[in-house]
Amino acid sequence: MKNVLCYGDSNTHGYDGVTGGRFPWGVRWTSLVQEALKEEQVRIIEEGQNGRTTVWDDPIEGMKSGLKYLIPCLESHSPLDVVVLMLGTNDIKQRFSLSASDVAAGAETLVKTIKMYFRENREPVPEILLVSPLKIREEIVDHKFSPMFGGERAVKISGELAGYYRETAKRQGCAFLDAASVTMPGAEDSVHLDPEGHRVFAEAVTEKLREILRERKEIN
């Protein structure tokens, strides 16, 4: 059995932008990837948290730092073959006052932490698929999330992330996927995937995981 940890925020958790609840199994992209790779003996581990950042403590929501939970999460689920890492959208919130390069630097810290944990424990280091976040829709200016994210500012910064994440992946030797080139958030809130977005994104992740696992098998 190949273990794939999907470590992310509300778009990995499956936040429903219409109801504020969670999409069910069969809609979430993680579940669709699981079903697509079932015959290949791949187990998808869902670790998405609403509001999770890369490395930053949230002064309002609290307990959202992806860095603080990362090692306990790795300890809980290891051994791992692949870690799919998709964080950064919540870093864009105005309360953090971060640039796109700052957000990518946070993601790079997580990549380094994953490598460090497994090396220090003398365990095989999993492959890492670094996913740059979705581009926030321009319609966010008319949505309730606009004051939190900063409206046009959030659109601009989210559109700059892919370039920085791509360079981070290259520097760290990670696989890379630009979520914004695959799909976009739903019109309901301009931030979160809708059911169709989950389906399209799942197809892209499935393809990348097949590629990564095939290469990993050839090396081993």
Protein backbone atom coordinates (compact mmCIF):
# COMPACT_ATOMS: atom_id res chain seq x y z
CA MET A 1 0.00 0.00 0.00
CA LYS A 2 1.34 3.41 -0.99
CA ASN A 3 0.53 6.17 1.51
CA VAL A 4 -0.12 9.70 0.23
CA LEU A 5 -0.62 12.51 2.75
CA CYS A 6 -2.62 15.49 1.50
CA TYR A 7 -1.70 18.39 3.78
CA GLY A 8 -3.67 21.54 3.15
CA ASP A 9 -6.33 24.03 4.13
CA SER A 10 -10.06 24.34 3.52
CA ASN A 11 -9.75 23.34 -0.13
CA THR A 12 -8.26 20.04 1.03
CA HIS A 13 -10.78 19.72 3.87
CA GLY A 14 -13.58 20.22 1.36
CA TYR A 15 -15.19 23.46 2.54
CA ASP A 16 -18.51 24.13 0.81
CA GLY A 17 -18.68 27.79 -0.17
CA VAL A 18 -22.48 27.68 -0.31
CA THR A 19 -23.39 26.02 3.00
CA GLY A 20 -20.24 26.62 5.03
CA GLY A 21 -20.17 22.90 5.74
CA ARG A 22 -18.04 20.14 4.22
CA PHE A 23 -18.51 18.41 0.90
CA PRO A 24 -19.11 14.67 1.32
CA TRP A 25 -16.91 11.80 0.25
CA GLY A 26 -17.31 11.44 -3.49
CA VAL A 27 -17.16 15.22 -4.02
CA ARG A 28 -13.92 16.17 -2.26
CA TRP A 29 -10.91 16.01 -4.57
CA THR A 30 -9.05 13.84 -2.08
CA SER A 31 -11.79 11.21 -2.20
CA LEU A 32 -11.88 11.31 -6.00
CA VAL A 33 -8.13 10.74 -6.16
CA GLN A 34 -8.53 7.84 -3.73
CA GLU A 35 -11.15 6.22 -5.93
CA ALA A 36 -9.12 6.78 -9.09
CA LEU A 37 -6.01 5.17 -7.59
CA LYS A 38 -7.71 2.42 -5.60
CA GLU A 39 -6.65 -0.38 -7.94
CA GLU A 40 -3.07 0.88 -7.73
CA GLN A 41 -3.14 0.36 -3.96
CA VAL A 42 -2.82 4.01 -3.03
CA ARG A 43 -4.21 5.24 0.27
CA ILE A 44 -5.04 8.95 0.44
CA ILE A 45 -4.74 10.50 3.90
CA GLU A 46 -6.86 13.64 4.23
CA GLU A 47 -5.29 16.32 6.42
CA GLY A 48 -7.03 19.56 5.52
CA GLN A 49 -7.91 22.25 8.06
CA ASN A 50 -10.02 25.33 7.45
CA GLY A 51 -7.91 28.46 7.84
CA ARG A 52 -4.56 26.67 7.96
CA THR A 53 -1.55 28.80 7.05
CA THR A 54 1.94 27.72 6.05
CA VAL A 55 3.90 28.78 9.13
CA TRP A 56 2.03 31.71 10.65
CA ASP A 57 0.16 31.86 13.94
CA ASP A 58 -3.28 33.35 13.39
CA PRO A 59 -3.90 36.05 16.04
CA ILE A 60 -7.67 35.83 15.54
CA GLU A 61 -8.55 32.21 14.70
CA GLY A 62 -5.63 30.56 16.54
CA MET A 63 -4.24 27.01 16.12
CA LYS A 64 -3.84 27.38 12.36
CA SER A 65 -0.09 27.15 11.79
CA GLY A 66 0.71 24.38 9.34
CA LEU A 67 4.24 24.24 10.68
CA LYS A 68 3.22 23.55 14.28
CA TYR A 69 1.05 20.58 13.35
CA LEU A 70 3.28 19.21 10.60
CA ILE A 71 5.68 17.00 12.58
CA PRO A 72 2.96 15.47 14.78
CA CYS A 73 1.05 14.76 11.57
CA LEU A 74 4.07 13.11 9.94
CA GLU A 75 4.68 11.05 13.08
CA SER A 76 1.08 9.90 13.06
CA HIS A 77 0.97 8.81 9.43
CA SER A 78 4.49 7.69 8.51
CA PRO A 79 5.80 5.89 6.58
CA LEU A 80 4.75 7.97 3.61
CA ASP A 81 5.43 7.69 -0.10
CA VAL A 82 4.21 11.14 -1.13
CA VAL A 83 3.18 14.35 0.60
CA VAL A 84 0.86 16.62 -1.40
CA LEU A 85 1.38 20.07 0.08
CA MET A 86 -1.11 22.81 -0.83
CA LEU A 87 -1.06 25.78 1.53
CA GLY A 88 -0.76 29.52 1.12
CA THR A 89 -4.22 30.92 0.45
CA ASN A 90 -4.83 31.86 4.09
CA ASP A 91 -1.42 33.54 4.26
CA ILE A 92 -2.86 36.15 1.89
CA LYS A 93 -5.27 37.45 4.54
CA GLN A 94 -4.71 41.12 5.37
CA ARG A 95 -3.90 40.37 9.01
CA PHE A 96 -0.57 38.80 7.93
CA SER A 97 0.52 41.58 5.50
CA LEU A 98 2.58 39.16 3.41
CA SER A 99 3.89 39.34 -0.14
CA ALA A 100 3.70 36.43 -2.58
CA SER A 101 7.38 35.72 -1.98
CA ASP A 102 6.74 35.59 1.79
CA VAL A 103 3.95 33.08 1.27
CA ALA A 104 6.18 30.90 -0.89
CA ALA A 105 8.94 31.13 1.72
CA GLY A 106 6.50 29.72 4.26
CA ALA A 107 5.72 26.82 1.95
CA GLU A 108 9.43 26.20 1.47
CA THR A 109 9.89 25.98 5.24
CA LEU A 110 7.31 23.20 5.29
CA VAL A 111 9.10 21.33 2.51
CA LYS A 112 12.38 21.58 4.41
CA THR A 113 10.69 20.42 7.62
CA ILE A 114 9.29 17.32 5.92
CA LYS A 115 12.73 16.39 4.60
CA MET A 116 14.40 17.11 7.94
CA TYR A 117 11.94 14.98 9.92
CA PHE A 118 12.43 11.86 7.83
CA ARG A 119 16.19 12.25 7.55
CA GLU A 120 16.63 12.75 11.28
CA ASN A 121 14.56 9.62 11.88
CA ARG A 122 16.51 7.71 9.22
CA GLU A 123 13.37 6.94 7.30
CA PRO A 124 12.90 7.17 3.52
CA VAL A 125 12.03 10.75 2.56
CA PRO A 126 8.71 10.85 0.70
CA GLU A 127 8.32 12.58 -2.61
CA ILE A 128 6.75 16.00 -2.23
CA LEU A 129 4.19 17.43 -4.64
CA LEU A 130 4.14 21.18 -4.01
CA VAL A 131 0.90 22.75 -5.22
CA SER A 132 0.64 26.49 -5.67
CA PRO A 133 -2.80 27.69 -4.53
CA LEU A 134 -5.79 28.70 -6.60
CA LYS A 135 -6.06 32.24 -7.93
CA ILE A 136 -8.74 34.07 -5.99
CA ARG A 137 -11.52 35.33 -8.26
CA GLU A 138 -11.98 39.03 -8.89
CA GLU A 139 -15.57 38.70 -7.69
CA ILE A 140 -14.28 38.45 -4.13
CA VAL A 141 -14.65 42.23 -3.88
CA ASP A 142 -18.41 41.68 -3.62
CA HIS A 143 -18.22 38.79 -1.17
CA LYS A 144 -18.15 38.61 2.62
CA PHE A 145 -14.54 37.34 2.50
CA SER A 146 -13.37 40.57 0.88
CA PRO A 147 -12.51 42.46 4.11
CA MET A 148 -10.60 39.47 5.44
CA PHE A 149 -8.56 38.84 2.31
CA GLY A 150 -8.32 42.37 1.01
CA GLY A 151 -10.33 42.20 -2.19
CA GLU A 152 -8.21 43.25 -5.18
CA ARG A 153 -5.02 42.84 -3.17
CA ALA A 154 -5.80 39.16 -2.62
CA VAL A 155 -6.49 38.64 -6.32
CA LYS A 156 -3.14 40.18 -7.21
CA ILE A 157 -1.05 38.24 -4.68
CA SER A 158 -2.75 34.92 -5.40
CA GLY A 159 -1.97 35.42 -9.07
CA GLU A 160 1.73 35.84 -8.28
CA LEU A 161 2.13 32.68 -6.21
CA ALA A 162 2.66 30.15 -9.00
CA GLY A 163 5.94 31.68 -10.15
CA TYR A 164 7.41 31.68 -6.65
CA TYR A 165 6.15 28.18 -5.86
CA ARG A 166 7.57 26.86 -9.12
CA GLU A 167 10.99 28.22 -8.21
CA THR A 168 10.69 26.76 -4.72
CA ALA A 169 9.85 23.33 -6.14
CA LYS A 170 12.81 23.53 -8.50
CA ARG A 171 15.15 24.58 -5.70
CA GLN A 172 13.94 21.82 -3.36
CA GLY A 173 13.69 19.08 -5.98
CA CYS A 174 9.92 18.71 -5.60
CA ALA A 175 7.25 17.86 -8.11
CA PHE A 176 5.08 20.89 -8.88
CA LEU A 177 1.47 21.57 -9.82
CA ASP A 178 -0.07 24.98 -10.42
CA ALA A 179 -3.67 24.67 -9.21
CA ALA A 180 -4.58 27.98 -10.84
CA SER A 181 -3.68 26.58 -14.27
CA VAL A 182 -6.05 23.66 -13.72
CA THR A 183 -9.20 25.20 -12.28
CA MET A 184 -10.53 28.15 -10.29
CA PRO A 185 -12.61 28.74 -7.17
CA GLY A 186 -16.37 28.64 -7.40
CA ALA A 187 -18.34 31.82 -7.94
CA GLU A 188 -20.12 31.37 -4.61
CA ASP A 189 -17.28 32.83 -2.55
CA SER A 190 -14.34 33.23 -4.98
CA VAL A 191 -11.95 31.29 -2.70
CA HIS A 192 -13.10 27.68 -2.48
CA LEU A 193 -13.49 24.91 -5.02
CA ASP A 194 -17.02 23.98 -6.02
CA PRO A 195 -17.92 20.36 -6.92
CA GLU A 196 -16.80 20.78 -10.53
CA GLY A 197 -13.55 22.37 -9.38
CA HIS A 198 -12.92 19.42 -7.07
CA ARG A 199 -13.48 17.01 -9.97
CA VAL A 200 -11.13 18.81 -12.34
CA PHE A 201 -8.46 19.30 -9.71
CA ALA A 202 -8.67 15.63 -8.70
CA GLU A 203 -7.90 14.61 -12.27
CA ALA A 204 -4.78 16.77 -12.33
CA VAL A 205 -3.54 15.50 -8.96
CA THR A 206 -4.21 11.89 -9.97
CA GLU A 207 -2.12 12.32 -13.09
CA LYS A 208 0.76 13.86 -11.14
CA LEU A 209 0.66 11.15 -8.48
CA ARG A 210 0.75 8.40 -11.08
CA GLU A 211 3.80 10.06 -12.60
CA ILE A 212 5.53 10.47 -9.23
CA LEU A 213 4.82 6.92 -8.06
CA ARG A 214 5.92 5.46 -11.39
CA GLU A 215 9.23 7.31 -11.20
CA ARG A 216 9.66 6.33 -7.54
CA LYS A 217 9.11 2.68 -8.43
CA GLU A 218 11.67 2.84 -11.25
CA ILE A 219 14.30 4.38 -8.95
CA ASN A 220 13.72 1.78 -6.23
